[in-house]
N, C-alpha and C. Protein backbone atom coordinates (compact mmCIF):
# COMPACT_ATOMS: atom_id res chain seq x y z
N MET A 1 0.56 -1.02 -0.30
CA MET A 1 -0.22 0.15 -0.22
C MET A 1 0.62 1.09 0.08
N ARG A 2 1.91 1.28 0.57
CA ARG A 2 2.81 2.28 0.68
C ARG A 2 3.41 2.80 -0.59
N SER A 3 3.70 1.73 -1.44
CA SER A 3 4.28 1.66 -2.75
C SER A 3 3.23 2.83 -3.82
N VAL A 4 1.82 2.16 -3.46
CA VAL A 4 0.60 2.89 -4.09
C VAL A 4 0.80 4.26 -4.24
N PHE A 5 0.74 4.80 -2.47
CA PHE A 5 0.55 5.87 -2.57
C PHE A 5 1.66 6.83 -2.80
N PHE A 6 2.71 6.05 -3.02
CA PHE A 6 3.73 6.93 -3.05
C PHE A 6 3.95 7.15 -4.89
N LEU A 7 3.84 6.31 -5.49
CA LEU A 7 3.48 6.04 -6.83
C LEU A 7 2.36 7.23 -7.16
N LEU A 8 1.23 7.32 -6.94
CA LEU A 8 0.13 7.87 -7.01
C LEU A 8 0.32 9.27 -6.60
N GLY A 9 1.42 9.55 -5.72
CA GLY A 9 1.31 10.94 -5.07
C GLY A 9 2.33 11.50 -6.13
N GLY A 10 3.14 10.57 -6.65
CA GLY A 10 4.27 10.80 -7.76
C GLY A 10 3.47 11.52 -8.85
N ALA A 11 2.79 10.47 -9.49
CA ALA A 11 2.29 10.87 -10.74
C ALA A 11 1.43 11.74 -11.02
N LEU A 12 0.41 12.18 -9.62
CA LEU A 12 -0.03 12.97 -9.56
C LEU A 12 0.70 14.54 -9.92
N ILE A 13 2.08 14.87 -8.93
CA ILE A 13 2.63 15.67 -9.30
C ILE A 13 3.34 15.93 -10.73
N VAL A 14 3.52 14.69 -11.21
CA VAL A 14 3.93 14.73 -12.39
C VAL A 14 3.01 15.39 -13.49
N ILE A 15 1.82 14.79 -13.72
CA ILE A 15 0.82 15.15 -14.51
C ILE A 15 0.51 16.65 -14.16
N VAL A 16 0.29 17.09 -13.11
CA VAL A 16 -0.41 18.59 -12.71
C VAL A 16 1.24 19.56 -13.22
N MET A 17 2.15 19.21 -12.80
CA MET A 17 3.40 20.06 -12.96
C MET A 17 3.44 20.04 -14.59
N GLY A 18 3.55 18.81 -15.07
CA GLY A 18 3.61 18.72 -16.30
C GLY A 18 5.28 18.07 -17.06
N VAL A 19 5.61 17.45 -17.60
CA VAL A 19 7.12 16.95 -18.26
C VAL A 19 7.90 18.41 -18.59
N PRO A 20 9.07 18.07 -18.31
CA PRO A 20 9.87 19.14 -18.80
C PRO A 20 9.64 18.87 -20.65
N ALA A 21 10.22 20.22 -20.94
CA ALA A 21 9.70 20.32 -22.69
C ALA A 21 10.84 19.72 -23.61
N GLU A 22 12.17 19.27 -22.92
CA GLU A 22 12.77 18.08 -23.63
C GLU A 22 12.80 16.95 -23.84
N PHE A 23 11.54 16.33 -22.98
CA PHE A 23 11.04 14.98 -22.92
C PHE A 23 9.80 14.89 -23.99
N PRO A 24 9.65 13.44 -24.56
CA PRO A 24 8.39 13.51 -25.25
C PRO A 24 7.31 13.18 -24.24
N ALA A 25 6.27 13.20 -24.27
CA ALA A 25 4.89 13.53 -23.18
C ALA A 25 4.91 11.70 -23.09
N GLN A 26 5.57 10.89 -23.53
CA GLN A 26 5.39 9.54 -22.79
C GLN A 26 6.66 8.86 -22.34
N SER A 27 7.72 9.60 -22.56
CA SER A 27 8.71 9.13 -21.64
C SER A 27 8.75 9.09 -19.98
N GLY A 28 8.61 10.21 -19.58
CA GLY A 28 8.48 10.16 -18.03
C GLY A 28 7.32 10.56 -17.38
N SER A 29 6.11 10.58 -18.30
CA SER A 29 4.93 10.57 -17.56
C SER A 29 4.30 9.51 -16.88
N ALA A 30 3.49 9.38 -16.01
CA ALA A 30 2.58 8.52 -15.73
C ALA A 30 2.03 7.70 -16.65
N LYS A 31 2.69 6.26 -16.74
CA LYS A 31 1.73 5.47 -17.96
C LYS A 31 0.63 4.78 -17.73
N SER A 32 0.15 4.84 -16.62
CA SER A 32 -0.59 3.71 -16.09
C SER A 32 -2.14 4.59 -15.87
N ALA A 33 -3.49 4.03 -16.14
CA ALA A 33 -4.56 4.63 -15.96
C ALA A 33 -5.00 5.30 -14.84
N LEU A 34 -4.72 4.51 -14.17
CA LEU A 34 -5.00 5.07 -12.36
C LEU A 34 -4.54 6.47 -12.21
N PRO A 35 -3.36 6.73 -12.22
CA PRO A 35 -3.41 8.21 -11.67
C PRO A 35 -3.60 9.32 -12.94
N TYR A 36 -3.99 9.14 -13.72
CA TYR A 36 -5.09 9.88 -14.79
C TYR A 36 -6.56 9.88 -14.31
N PHE A 37 -6.81 8.48 -13.63
CA PHE A 37 -8.33 8.69 -13.33
C PHE A 37 -8.62 9.40 -12.15
N VAL A 38 -7.48 9.22 -11.36
CA VAL A 38 -7.60 9.92 -9.97
C VAL A 38 -7.28 11.51 -10.31
N TYR A 39 -6.62 12.37 -11.36
CA TYR A 39 -6.42 13.34 -11.56
C TYR A 39 -7.68 13.87 -11.97
N TRP A 40 -8.32 13.44 -12.94
CA TRP A 40 -9.69 13.50 -13.45
C TRP A 40 -10.82 13.66 -12.50
N LEU A 41 -10.88 12.53 -11.39
CA LEU A 41 -11.61 12.94 -10.03
C LEU A 41 -11.45 13.85 -9.22
N LEU A 42 -10.02 14.20 -9.45
CA LEU A 42 -9.59 15.62 -8.31
C LEU A 42 -9.53 17.01 -9.19
N SER A 43 -9.69 16.82 -10.53
CA SER A 43 -10.00 18.10 -10.79
C SER A 43 -10.64 18.79 -10.61
N ALA A 44 -11.87 18.45 -10.23
CA ALA A 44 -12.67 19.30 -9.37
C ALA A 44 -11.86 20.71 -8.57
N LEU A 45 -10.86 19.91 -7.83
CA LEU A 45 -10.11 20.87 -6.51
C LEU A 45 -9.47 21.86 -7.46
N GLU A 46 -9.37 21.94 -9.07
CA GLU A 46 -8.41 22.69 -9.60
C GLU A 46 -8.95 24.12 -9.29
N GLY A 47 -10.44 24.48 -9.67
CA GLY A 47 -11.31 25.48 -9.56
C GLY A 47 -11.10 25.94 -8.12
N TRP A 48 -11.04 25.65 -6.97
CA TRP A 48 -11.12 25.68 -5.66
C TRP A 48 -9.61 26.37 -5.38
N GLY A 49 -8.83 25.59 -5.65
CA GLY A 49 -7.37 25.88 -4.83
C GLY A 49 -6.60 26.03 -6.03
N GLY A 50 -6.90 26.08 -7.08
CA GLY A 50 -5.87 26.23 -8.17
C GLY A 50 -5.14 24.39 -8.37
N LYS A 51 -3.96 24.54 -9.01
CA LYS A 51 -3.22 23.62 -9.77
C LYS A 51 -2.71 22.52 -8.83
N TYR A 52 -2.23 23.91 -7.58
CA TYR A 52 -1.15 23.62 -6.38
C TYR A 52 -1.89 22.70 -5.22
N SER A 53 -3.15 22.52 -5.42
CA SER A 53 -3.99 22.09 -4.52
C SER A 53 -4.07 20.39 -4.96
N ILE A 54 -3.95 20.08 -6.01
CA ILE A 54 -3.57 18.84 -6.31
C ILE A 54 -2.03 18.49 -5.95
N VAL A 55 -1.21 19.03 -6.46
CA VAL A 55 0.45 19.20 -5.90
C VAL A 55 0.20 18.78 -4.53
N ALA A 56 -0.48 19.32 -3.86
CA ALA A 56 -0.16 19.68 -2.19
C ALA A 56 -0.91 17.90 -2.12
N LEU A 57 -1.74 17.71 -2.77
CA LEU A 57 -2.57 16.33 -2.35
C LEU A 57 -1.46 15.08 -2.54
N GLY A 58 -0.68 15.29 -3.96
CA GLY A 58 0.35 13.86 -4.04
C GLY A 58 1.55 14.64 -2.83
N VAL A 59 1.92 15.45 -2.71
CA VAL A 59 2.41 15.60 -1.61
C VAL A 59 1.96 14.95 -0.55
N GLY A 60 1.16 14.93 0.15
CA GLY A 60 0.10 14.29 0.75
C GLY A 60 0.40 12.89 0.88
N PHE A 61 0.29 12.10 -0.08
CA PHE A 61 0.12 10.95 -0.98
C PHE A 61 1.57 10.00 -0.22
N ILE A 62 2.62 10.78 -0.78
CA ILE A 62 4.08 10.63 -0.48
C ILE A 62 4.76 10.60 0.87
N GLY A 63 3.97 11.87 1.57
CA GLY A 63 3.99 11.83 2.91
C GLY A 63 3.43 10.37 3.94
N LEU A 64 2.00 9.89 3.39
CA LEU A 64 1.39 9.19 3.67
C LEU A 64 2.06 7.79 3.63
N ALA A 65 2.93 7.59 2.22
CA ALA A 65 3.43 6.35 2.15
C ALA A 65 4.58 6.48 3.08
N PHE A 66 5.08 7.37 4.02
CA PHE A 66 6.30 7.24 4.42
C PHE A 66 5.45 7.15 5.79
N LEU A 67 4.86 7.64 6.30
CA LEU A 67 4.63 7.12 7.58
C LEU A 67 3.67 6.23 7.89
N LEU A 68 3.33 5.22 6.51
CA LEU A 68 2.48 3.79 6.89
C LEU A 68 3.61 3.24 7.51
N PRO A 69 3.49 1.87 8.44
CA PRO A 69 4.10 0.92 9.03
C PRO A 69 4.28 0.15 7.83
N PRO A 70 5.83 -0.45 7.47
CA PRO A 70 6.22 -1.36 6.57
C PRO A 70 5.26 -2.52 7.03
N LYS A 71 5.17 -3.46 5.76
CA LYS A 71 4.33 -4.60 5.93
C LYS A 71 5.46 -5.59 6.40
N LYS A 72 4.80 -6.54 7.69
CA LYS A 72 6.13 -7.57 8.26
C LYS A 72 5.58 -8.60 7.23
N SER A 73 6.81 -9.30 7.14
CA SER A 73 7.04 -10.49 6.54
C SER A 73 6.10 -11.69 7.43
N LYS A 74 5.19 -12.37 7.16
CA LYS A 74 4.73 -13.87 7.88
C LYS A 74 6.86 -14.99 8.19
N ASP A 75 7.83 -14.90 7.16
CA ASP A 75 8.39 -16.04 7.57
C ASP A 75 9.56 -15.49 8.96
N ARG A 76 9.21 -14.48 9.39
CA ARG A 76 10.37 -14.47 10.47
C ARG A 76 9.78 -14.48 11.71
């Protein structure tokens, strides 16, 4: 779950802030449909707080990924 939150937060930041101009659109951006679907759901927040509200949510997802306890393996 930690990796899902981390990747989703990072992908949201990349989608909103855009990819640098020297890279093609497919090379560094999120290739999965899940981040774009979550961005589509959160796009209503852009009218309320601007694009940086979604960036703040992405940073929050990354922070949550670091705060969640690591998964304990059963073979220990």
